[in-house]
Amino acid sequence: MLRLWDLGQQRCVHSYAVHTDSVWALASNSTFSHVYSGGRDSSLYLTDLHTRESVLLSTGEQPILQLALHDDSIWVASTDSSVHRWPAEPILTIPGIPAIVQHEVLNNKRHVLTKDTSGSVKLWEITKGVAIEDYGKVPFDEKKEELFEMVSVPAWFTVDTRLGSLSVHLDTPQCFSAEIYSQELNIVEKPEDDKINLARETLKGLLVHWLRKRKQRMGTHASANGELLSENDIGTRSLSHSRVEVDGSSEIDTIVYPPFEFSIASPPSIITEGTHGGPWRKKITDLDGTEDDKDIPWWCLDCVLNNRLPPRENAK
C-alpha cells in the first residue's frame, strides 16, 4: 500500500493499493506527479498520483531494495548481486477504457453522472445502457449541480463502480416501484397519461433478444406442448403466495419502446443467479433462448413473459 501524506495537516490524504506485499523503495519524478515503487513482491510500478492509475513496468525474481531515477530510465537494485536499468516509461501501451471512479444517481432516477480515471465526466441513461453526454474534463460537483432537477422518483435500482464500470442492480420488489408518464419519455406509441413502469420496460429491453430467440426455438406450438414457461408454470413456484398485477394481456409482447432500446454494437452484460445457484454472466445478445428459470430469476421471467408485477402493497 502506498500512502500520500500532508505534512502540514499530519495526516494521510490518499492511499494507493498497488503492490501485493510490503513496499521497500520509492522514487518520484521532479514534479512529484508520478511515483515509482518496488518491494517484496519483486514488481516495479509507476503510479500517477492524480489519476491513481498504476502501470507495471517490470517484475523479477528478487525483492526490490532501492530505486534511482535517471533521465528516461530507472535503476533497480534487488537482493541479487546485479543492478538493472529499466525504461522509466512503458515501451508500448495498448490503451484501455478508463475506469469509473465516481458516480451520482440523478433525481430523475434514469440518469447517472460518472467520472473516470482520465477525469472525463459523462452522463449515462440507465434504461438504454449508454453514455448520452460526454462533458470532458469538467468539475464533477459543478456538473452535478447544473443537472439538478426538482423531481421525485422512487429509487428502483442501485449502482456501484467497484469493477471500474457501471453496475446496475435490480432487486424485487423494490425495482418495480418507479413509474412515470409516457409523455416524459416521449413515447408516441402510448397515450400521454399512460404510466410506464421503468423496471418492467428495462427488463423487456434487456431480454428482448432472449425472448425472440426463445419464440423461434419453441415455434407456434410451444405453448400447447407445455414448453413455454407460462403463467401457471411460474405461479406454482413463488407467485401463488402473492396476487400479481396484470397490465393488459398476458400474451408475450416483444415491443421495446425507444427509451429502453439497448445497443447491439456494444451490448451490456447480465450478471444474475438462477435457482441452481452460482452467478453467471452473458451479453444480452449472447442469450440463445434456452435459458429458463434455472438461469434467470423467476420474477424477471414472470415480468417479461406474463407482463406481471409484484403486488403494490409489497413494492415499497
Foldseek 3Di string as FASTA:
>chain_A
DDFDADVVVGDTDDDADDDPDDWAEKDADPVRQWMWTWFQQQWIWIAGPQLSDIDTFDGDDFGWHYWDDDDQWIWTDGPDPDIDIGGNDHPDDDDDDFFWDDWDQAQVLQWMWTAGSVQWIFIDGNLAGDTPDTPGNDDRVVVNVVPHDPDHWQNQWDWDRPVSDTDIDGDPPQNQRGKDFVVVVVQPVDDRRDIDRSVLLLLLQLQLLLVVLQCVVCDPCNVVVVNDCDPVNLCVPPVVVFDKDADPFQAADNDHTPSNHYDPVDFDKDWDAAPCGDIDIDGSNPNRNPDDRRHHPSQSCCCRRRVIHTDPVPND
